[in-house]
Amino acid sequence: MTLLEVAGLDVFHADLQAVFGLDFTVAEREAVALVGANGAGKTTFLRALVGLIDSKRGSVRFDGGDIVDMPAERIARLGLGMVPEGRMLFDTLTIEENLLMGRVSQRPGAWTLKRVYDLFPALQERRNHMPRQLSGGQQQMVAIGRALMCNPRLLLCDEISLGLAPVMVEQIYGAFADIRSEGTALVLVEQDVKRAASASDRIYCLLKGRVSLSARAGEVGLAELTHAYFGM
């Protein structure tokens, strides 16, 4: 069953168009990689999906309902969540308080504070710390845990491995199997194509705001992907 269906989506920054006629789908429980170079439009696309950009046109349907003009808070309550690039934690709140901020949508589901601590035990040990006292990887775990506390049906993850040590990236990507086992679908936005493809069922590539490739993750060759990524 299709959970997210995007058709002909255009997204604008003031007078500048950043996304052009984009078609994109995610099925229930599916993991989809979205890759592309800097400036390809990946983050803009995600922000438009969750209602953080108003200047857009086209069709965005989530669980069968039209959300293209819906405000961000209503979209979150429907179960579309996002882990933003840069984590965006609250510096004046403890780790546990940051996690509890994810409950504002009041969606019921399996993801509780205990369940997040089971997924990321290091956070329970540091629950009374401030974000600045954590490593970058641990801060990313907080950002993911906060989003999971919203009990999303679809979780959009924007550049979650950026700037992290390889061991932390392994831990975070290792958590995705548990996240999917709870019925949550994923969109993984990455510049690391190999990493994203290995964790996904399908892959999209963006080039200058347009889809340059859509394929099963295990069926696309390096030459084809390189051409889609760089336009060469």
C-alpha atoms as a PDB file:
ATOM      1  CA  MET A   1       0.000   0.000   0.000  1.00  0.00           C
ATOM      2  CA  THR A   2       1.288   3.459  -0.930  1.00  0.00           C
ATOM      3  CA  LEU A   3       1.792   5.668   2.118  1.00  0.00           C
ATOM      4  CA  LEU A   4       3.221   8.804   0.469  1.00  0.00           C
ATOM      5  CA  GLU A   5       2.473   9.809  -3.091  1.00  0.00           C
ATOM      6  CA  VAL A   6       3.958  12.983  -4.595  1.00  0.00           C
ATOM      7  CA  ALA A   7       3.071  14.017  -8.141  1.00  0.00           C
ATOM      8  CA  GLY A   8       4.288  16.990 -10.160  1.00  0.00           C
ATOM      9  CA  LEU A   9       5.589  18.878  -7.119  1.00  0.00           C
ATOM     10  CA  ASP A  10       7.156  22.295  -7.690  1.00  0.00           C
ATOM     11  CA  VAL A  11       8.799  24.068  -4.734  1.00  0.00           C
ATOM     12  CA  PHE A  12       9.956  27.687  -4.626  1.00  0.00           C
ATOM     13  CA  HIS A  13      12.239  29.894  -2.544  1.00  0.00           C
ATOM     14  CA  ALA A  14      10.731  33.338  -3.182  1.00  0.00           C
ATOM     15  CA  ASP A  15      11.064  33.755  -6.972  1.00  0.00           C
ATOM     16  CA  LEU A  16      13.561  30.912  -7.315  1.00  0.00           C
ATOM     17  CA  GLN A  17      12.250  27.460  -8.185  1.00  0.00           C
ATOM     18  CA  ALA A  18      14.196  24.701  -6.402  1.00  0.00           C
ATOM     19  CA  VAL A  19      12.189  21.547  -7.197  1.00  0.00           C
ATOM     20  CA  PHE A  20      10.648  20.818 -10.592  1.00  0.00           C
ATOM     21  CA  GLY A  21       7.733  18.470 -11.266  1.00  0.00           C
ATOM     22  CA  LEU A  22       8.896  15.872  -8.776  1.00  0.00           C
ATOM     23  CA  ASP A  23       7.202  12.455  -8.589  1.00  0.00           C
ATOM     24  CA  PHE A  24       7.995  10.313  -5.548  1.00  0.00           C
ATOM     25  CA  THR A  25       6.363   7.434  -3.664  1.00  0.00           C
ATOM     26  CA  VAL A  26       6.929   5.518  -0.433  1.00  0.00           C
ATOM     27  CA  ALA A  27       5.051   2.339   0.475  1.00  0.00           C
ATOM     28  CA  GLU A  28       4.096   1.174   3.960  1.00  0.00           C
ATOM     29  CA  ARG A  29       7.183  -0.027   5.897  1.00  0.00           C
ATOM     30  CA  GLU A  30       9.474   0.762   2.949  1.00  0.00           C
ATOM     31  CA  ALA A  31      12.889   2.418   3.139  1.00  0.00           C
ATOM     32  CA  VAL A  32      13.668   4.794   0.273  1.00  0.00           C
ATOM     33  CA  ALA A  33      17.013   6.524  -0.326  1.00  0.00           C
ATOM     34  CA  LEU A  34      17.077  10.052  -1.735  1.00  0.00           C
ATOM     35  CA  VAL A  35      20.540  11.008  -2.951  1.00  0.00           C
ATOM     36  CA  GLY A  36      22.121  13.868  -4.845  1.00  0.00           C
ATOM     37  CA  ALA A  37      24.880  16.433  -4.665  1.00  0.00           C
ATOM     38  CA  ASN A  38      24.754  19.610  -2.563  1.00  0.00           C
ATOM     39  CA  GLY A  39      22.108  21.946  -3.929  1.00  0.00           C
ATOM     40  CA  ALA A  40      20.157  19.186  -5.684  1.00  0.00           C
ATOM     41  CA  GLY A  41      16.977  20.055  -3.767  1.00  0.00           C
ATOM     42  CA  LYS A  42      16.838  17.187  -1.279  1.00  0.00           C
ATOM     43  CA  THR A  43      16.362  19.210   1.912  1.00  0.00           C
ATOM     44  CA  THR A  44      13.981  21.627   0.190  1.00  0.00           C
ATOM     45  CA  PHE A  45      11.849  18.674  -0.884  1.00  0.00           C
ATOM     46  CA  LEU A  46      11.690  17.236   2.649  1.00  0.00           C
ATOM     47  CA  ARG A  47      10.835  20.598   4.183  1.00  0.00           C
ATOM     48  CA  ALA A  48       8.036  21.020   1.666  1.00  0.00           C
ATOM     49  CA  LEU A  49       6.613  17.601   2.544  1.00  0.00           C
ATOM     50  CA  VAL A  50       6.333  18.391   6.262  1.00  0.00           C
ATOM     51  CA  GLY A  51       4.803  21.829   5.714  1.00  0.00           C
ATOM     52  CA  LEU A  52       7.836  24.004   6.437  1.00  0.00           C
ATOM     53  CA  ILE A  53       7.739  25.575   2.970  1.00  0.00           C
ATOM     54  CA  ASP A  54       4.471  27.098   1.777  1.00  0.00           C
ATOM     55  CA  SER A  55       5.501  28.082  -1.750  1.00  0.00           C
ATOM     56  CA  LYS A  56       4.719  24.904  -3.624  1.00  0.00           C
ATOM     57  CA  ARG A  57       2.247  23.424  -6.078  1.00  0.00           C
ATOM     58  CA  GLY A  58       1.375  19.930  -7.156  1.00  0.00           C
ATOM     59  CA  SER A  59      -0.013  16.916  -5.327  1.00  0.00           C
ATOM     60  CA  VAL A  60       1.186  15.491  -2.011  1.00  0.00           C
ATOM     61  CA  ARG A  61      -0.943  12.696  -0.572  1.00  0.00           C
ATOM     62  CA  PHE A  62      -0.206  10.958   2.721  1.00  0.00           C
ATOM     63  CA  ASP A  63      -2.215   7.885   3.687  1.00  0.00           C
ATOM     64  CA  GLY A  64      -4.689   8.806   0.945  1.00  0.00           C
ATOM     65  CA  GLY A  65      -5.294  12.388   2.108  1.00  0.00           C
ATOM     66  CA  ASP A  66      -4.158  15.635   0.477  1.00  0.00           C
ATOM     67  CA  ILE A  67      -1.569  17.431   2.654  1.00  0.00           C
ATOM     68  CA  VAL A  68       0.008  19.830   0.152  1.00  0.00           C
ATOM     69  CA  ASP A  69      -1.494  22.937   1.803  1.00  0.00           C
ATOM     70  CA  MET A  70      -1.734  21.544   5.338  1.00  0.00           C
ATOM     71  CA  PRO A  71       0.174  23.296   8.186  1.00  0.00           C
ATOM     72  CA  ALA A  72       3.178  21.552   9.710  1.00  0.00           C
ATOM     73  CA  GLU A  73       1.547  20.738  13.050  1.00  0.00           C
ATOM     74  CA  ARG A  74      -1.351  18.918  11.394  1.00  0.00           C
ATOM     75  CA  ILE A  75       1.020  16.972   9.142  1.00  0.00           C
ATOM     76  CA  ALA A  76       2.983  15.850  12.222  1.00  0.00           C
ATOM     77  CA  ARG A  77      -0.210  14.629  13.895  1.00  0.00           C
ATOM     78  CA  LEU A  78      -0.948  12.496  10.832  1.00  0.00           C
ATOM     79  CA  GLY A  79       2.355  10.703  11.351  1.00  0.00           C
ATOM     80  CA  LEU A  80       4.828  12.329   8.982  1.00  0.00           C
ATOM     81  CA  GLY A  81       7.983  13.166  10.949  1.00  0.00           C
ATOM     82  CA  MET A  82      11.426  14.505  10.175  1.00  0.00           C
ATOM     83  CA  VAL A  83      14.940  14.373  11.610  1.00  0.00           C
ATOM     84  CA  PRO A  84      16.368  17.691  10.347  1.00  0.00           C
ATOM     85  CA  GLU A  85      19.861  18.258   9.053  1.00  0.00           C
ATOM     86  CA  GLY A  86      21.954  19.717  11.867  1.00  0.00           C
ATOM     87  CA  ARG A  87      19.792  18.000  14.526  1.00  0.00           C
ATOM     88  CA  MET A  88      18.199  21.242  15.825  1.00  0.00           C
ATOM     89  CA  LEU A  89      18.224  20.248  19.489  1.00  0.00           C
ATOM     90  CA  PHE A  90      17.125  22.600  22.259  1.00  0.00           C
ATOM     91  CA  ASP A  91      20.363  23.729  23.916  1.00  0.00           C
ATOM     92  CA  THR A  92      18.730  24.746  27.196  1.00  0.00           C
ATOM     93  CA  LEU A  93      16.912  21.432  27.718  1.00  0.00           C
ATOM     94  CA  THR A  94      18.352  18.163  28.988  1.00  0.00           C
ATOM     95  CA  ILE A  95      18.512  15.104  26.746  1.00  0.00           C
ATOM     96  CA  GLU A  96      15.363  13.662  28.293  1.00  0.00           C
ATOM     97  CA  GLU A  97      13.531  16.968  27.976  1.00  0.00           C
ATOM     98  CA  ASN A  98      14.539  17.128  24.312  1.00  0.00           C
ATOM     99  CA  LEU A  99      13.152  13.645  23.766  1.00  0.00           C
ATOM    100  CA  LEU A 100       9.890  14.490  25.526  1.00  0.00           C
ATOM    101  CA  MET A 101       9.372  17.405  23.144  1.00  0.00           C
ATOM    102  CA  GLY A 102       8.491  14.746  20.585  1.00  0.00           C
ATOM    103  CA  ARG A 103       5.269  14.031  22.454  1.00  0.00           C
ATOM    104  CA  VAL A 104       3.685  17.339  21.460  1.00  0.00           C
ATOM    105  CA  SER A 105       1.848  15.668  18.557  1.00  0.00           C
ATOM    106  CA  GLN A 106       0.191  13.311  21.089  1.00  0.00           C
ATOM    107  CA  ARG A 107       0.107  10.459  18.589  1.00  0.00           C
ATOM    108  CA  PRO A 108      -0.326   7.040  20.211  1.00  0.00           C
ATOM    109  CA  GLY A 109       2.067   4.262  19.308  1.00  0.00           C
ATOM    110  CA  ALA A 110       4.904   1.983  20.333  1.00  0.00           C
ATOM    111  CA  TRP A 111       7.571   4.666  20.725  1.00  0.00           C
ATOM    112  CA  THR A 112       7.831   5.686  24.364  1.00  0.00           C
ATOM    113  CA  LEU A 113      10.728   7.116  26.336  1.00  0.00           C
ATOM    114  CA  LYS A 114      11.634   3.606  27.497  1.00  0.00           C
ATOM    115  CA  ARG A 115      11.548   2.265  23.948  1.00  0.00           C
ATOM    116  CA  VAL A 116      13.869   5.043  22.748  1.00  0.00           C
ATOM    117  CA  TYR A 117      16.269   4.318  25.610  1.00  0.00           C
ATOM    118  CA  ASP A 118      16.192   0.623  24.668  1.00  0.00           C
ATOM    119  CA  LEU A 119      17.136   1.599  21.108  1.00  0.00           C
ATOM    120  CA  PHE A 120      19.871   4.040  22.198  1.00  0.00           C
ATOM    121  CA  PRO A 121      21.122   2.980  25.679  1.00  0.00           C
ATOM    122  CA  ALA A 122      23.765   5.720  25.709  1.00  0.00           C
ATOM    123  CA  LEU A 123      20.997   8.314  25.934  1.00  0.00           C
ATOM    124  CA  GLN A 124      19.546   6.854  29.123  1.00  0.00           C
ATOM    125  CA  GLU A 125      22.974   7.054  30.747  1.00  0.00           C
ATOM    126  CA  ARG A 126      23.162  10.737  29.753  1.00  0.00           C
ATOM    127  CA  ARG A 127      19.496  11.682  30.121  1.00  0.00           C
ATOM    128  CA  ASN A 128      20.275  14.566  32.502  1.00  0.00           C
ATOM    129  CA  HIS A 129      23.109  15.955  30.352  1.00  0.00           C
ATOM    130  CA  MET A 130      22.799  18.950  28.049  1.00  0.00           C
ATOM    131  CA  PRO A 131      23.201  18.508  24.281  1.00  0.00           C
ATOM    132  CA  ARG A 132      26.598  20.277  24.256  1.00  0.00           C
ATOM    133  CA  GLN A 133      27.928  17.560  26.563  1.00  0.00           C
ATOM    134  CA  LEU A 134      27.265  14.832  23.985  1.00  0.00           C
ATOM    135  CA  SER A 135      29.205  13.774  20.923  1.00  0.00           C
ATOM    136  CA  GLY A 136      27.810  14.533  17.475  1.00  0.00           C
ATOM    137  CA  GLY A 137      26.659  10.944  17.086  1.00  0.00           C
ATOM    138  CA  GLN A 138      24.883  10.958  20.429  1.00  0.00           C
ATOM    139  CA  GLN A 139      23.197  14.241  19.536  1.00  0.00           C
ATOM    140  CA  GLN A 140      21.973  12.599  16.325  1.00  0.00           C
ATOM    141  CA  MET A 141      20.514   9.776  18.387  1.00  0.00           C
ATOM    142  CA  VAL A 142      18.608  12.374  20.406  1.00  0.00           C
ATOM    143  CA  ALA A 143      17.247  13.945  17.228  1.00  0.00           C
ATOM    144  CA  ILE A 144      16.111  10.547  15.949  1.00  0.00           C
ATOM    145  CA  GLY A 145      14.644   9.601  19.320  1.00  0.00           C
ATOM    146  CA  ARG A 146      12.723  12.880  19.552  1.00  0.00           C
ATOM    147  CA  ALA A 147      11.224  12.249  16.110  1.00  0.00           C
ATOM    148  CA  LEU A 148      10.308   8.677  17.068  1.00  0.00           C
ATOM    149  CA  MET A 149       8.484   9.968  20.159  1.00  0.00           C
ATOM    150  CA  CYS A 150       5.989  11.458  17.691  1.00  0.00           C
ATOM    151  CA  ASN A 151       5.227   7.862  16.622  1.00  0.00           C
ATOM    152  CA  PRO A 152       5.587   8.618  12.912  1.00  0.00           C
ATOM    153  CA  ARG A 153       4.316   6.315  10.187  1.00  0.00           C
ATOM    154  CA  LEU A 154       6.960   7.807   7.886  1.00  0.00           C
ATOM    155  CA  LEU A 155      10.246   9.258   9.136  1.00  0.00           C
ATOM    156  CA  LEU A 156      12.276  11.578   6.913  1.00  0.00           C
ATOM    157  CA  CYS A 157      15.984  11.559   7.847  1.00  0.00           C
ATOM    158  CA  ASP A 158      18.028  14.425   6.428  1.00  0.00           C
ATOM    159  CA  GLU A 159      21.809  13.839   6.205  1.00  0.00           C
ATOM    160  CA  ILE A 160      21.967  11.984   9.506  1.00  0.00           C
ATOM    161  CA  SER A 161      25.508  10.665   8.955  1.00  0.00           C
ATOM    162  CA  LEU A 162      27.014  14.035   8.004  1.00  0.00           C
ATOM    163  CA  GLY A 163      30.168  14.755   9.993  1.00  0.00           C
ATOM    164  CA  LEU A 164      29.904  11.665  12.217  1.00  0.00           C
ATOM    165  CA  ALA A 165      32.589   9.109  12.999  1.00  0.00           C
ATOM    166  CA  PRO A 166      32.112   5.805  11.120  1.00  0.00           C
ATOM    167  CA  VAL A 167      31.431   3.866  14.328  1.00  0.00           C
ATOM    168  CA  MET A 168      28.555   6.219  15.189  1.00  0.00           C
ATOM    169  CA  VAL A 169      27.161   5.976  11.665  1.00  0.00           C
ATOM    170  CA  GLU A 170      27.137   2.176  12.009  1.00  0.00           C
ATOM    171  CA  GLN A 171      25.229   2.389  15.294  1.00  0.00           C
ATOM    172  CA  ILE A 172      22.644   4.763  13.887  1.00  0.00           C
ATOM    173  CA  TYR A 173      22.095   2.798  10.687  1.00  0.00           C
ATOM    174  CA  GLY A 174      21.920  -0.377  12.753  1.00  0.00           C
ATOM    175  CA  ALA A 175      18.891   1.089  14.536  1.00  0.00           C
ATOM    176  CA  PHE A 176      16.888   1.371  11.324  1.00  0.00           C
ATOM    177  CA  ALA A 177      15.936  -2.318  11.349  1.00  0.00           C
ATOM    178  CA  ASP A 178      14.314  -1.861  14.768  1.00  0.00           C
ATOM    179  CA  ILE A 179      12.582   1.298  13.611  1.00  0.00           C
ATOM    180  CA  ARG A 180      11.144  -0.440  10.550  1.00  0.00           C
ATOM    181  CA  SER A 181      10.068  -3.425  12.661  1.00  0.00           C
ATOM    182  CA  GLU A 182       7.651  -1.099  14.462  1.00  0.00           C
ATOM    183  CA  GLY A 183       5.986  -0.351  11.113  1.00  0.00           C
ATOM    184  CA  THR A 184       7.720   2.961  10.381  1.00  0.00           C
ATOM    185  CA  ALA A 185       8.681   3.705   6.782  1.00  0.00           C
ATOM    186  CA  LEU A 186      11.867   5.684   6.110  1.00  0.00           C
ATOM    187  CA  VAL A 187      13.243   8.210   3.649  1.00  0.00           C
ATOM    188  CA  LEU A 188      17.018   8.485   3.964  1.00  0.00           C
ATOM    189  CA  VAL A 189      18.574  11.607   2.458  1.00  0.00           C
ATOM    190  CA  GLU A 190      22.300  11.143   2.019  1.00  0.00           C
ATOM    191  CA  GLN A 191      25.269  12.203  -0.049  1.00  0.00           C
ATOM    192  CA  ASP A 192      26.839   8.821   0.742  1.00  0.00           C
ATOM    193  CA  VAL A 193      25.155   6.880  -2.047  1.00  0.00           C
ATOM    194  CA  LYS A 194      26.534   3.470  -1.093  1.00  0.00           C
ATOM    195  CA  ARG A 195      25.453   3.837   2.527  1.00  0.00           C
ATOM    196  CA  ALA A 196      21.941   4.985   1.652  1.00  0.00           C
ATOM    197  CA  ALA A 197      21.399   2.328  -1.011  1.00  0.00           C
ATOM    198  CA  SER A 198      22.537  -0.490   1.290  1.00  0.00           C
ATOM    199  CA  ALA A 199      19.842   0.430   3.824  1.00  0.00           C
ATOM    200  CA  SER A 200      17.012   1.003   1.337  1.00  0.00           C
ATOM    201  CA  ASP A 201      14.604  -0.848  -0.905  1.00  0.00           C
ATOM    202  CA  ARG A 202      14.521   1.814  -3.629  1.00  0.00           C
ATOM    203  CA  ILE A 203      16.585   4.817  -4.581  1.00  0.00           C
ATOM    204  CA  TYR A 204      15.840   8.200  -6.126  1.00  0.00           C
ATOM    205  CA  CYS A 205      18.502  10.599  -7.334  1.00  0.00           C
ATOM    206  CA  LEU A 206      17.938  14.349  -7.674  1.00  0.00           C
ATOM    207  CA  LEU A 207      19.851  16.559 -10.064  1.00  0.00           C
ATOM    208  CA  LYS A 208      19.173  20.295 -10.067  1.00  0.00           C
ATOM    209  CA  GLY A 209      15.738  19.814  -8.506  1.00  0.00           C
ATOM    210  CA  ARG A 210      14.589  17.039 -10.835  1.00  0.00           C
ATOM    211  CA  VAL A 211      14.446  13.262 -10.489  1.00  0.00           C
ATOM    212  CA  SER A 212      17.315  11.926 -12.589  1.00  0.00           C
ATOM    213  CA  LEU A 213      16.950   8.292 -11.502  1.00  0.00           C
ATOM    214  CA  SER A 214      14.372   6.038  -9.843  1.00  0.00           C
ATOM    215  CA  ALA A 215      15.214   2.343  -9.381  1.00  0.00           C
ATOM    216  CA  ARG A 216      15.358  -0.619  -7.045  1.00  0.00           C
ATOM    217  CA  ALA A 217      18.394  -0.094  -4.838  1.00  0.00           C
ATOM    218  CA  GLY A 218      20.078  -3.341  -5.866  1.00  0.00           C
ATOM    219  CA  GLU A 219      19.401  -3.008  -9.580  1.00  0.00           C
ATOM    220  CA  VAL A 220      21.230   0.208 -10.490  1.00  0.00           C
ATOM    221  CA  GLY A 221      24.793   0.127 -11.792  1.00  0.00           C
ATOM    222  CA  LEU A 222      27.601   2.478 -10.819  1.00  0.00           C
ATOM    223  CA  ALA A 223      27.792   4.101 -14.263  1.00  0.00           C
ATOM    224  CA  GLU A 224      24.050   4.777 -14.340  1.00  0.00           C
ATOM    225  CA  LEU A 225      24.076   6.186 -10.827  1.00  0.00           C
ATOM    226  CA  THR A 226      27.123   8.357 -11.509  1.00  0.00           C
ATOM    227  CA  HIS A 227      25.416   9.825 -14.570  1.00  0.00           C
ATOM    228  CA  ALA A 228      22.234  10.516 -12.555  1.00  0.00           C
ATOM    229  CA  TYR A 229      24.210  12.083  -9.681  1.00  0.00           C
ATOM    230  CA  PHE A 230      26.513  14.327 -11.698  1.00  0.00           C
ATOM    231  CA  GLY A 231      24.673  14.638 -15.023  1.00  0.00           C
ATOM    232  CA  MET A 232      27.760  13.424 -16.869  1.00  0.00           C
END
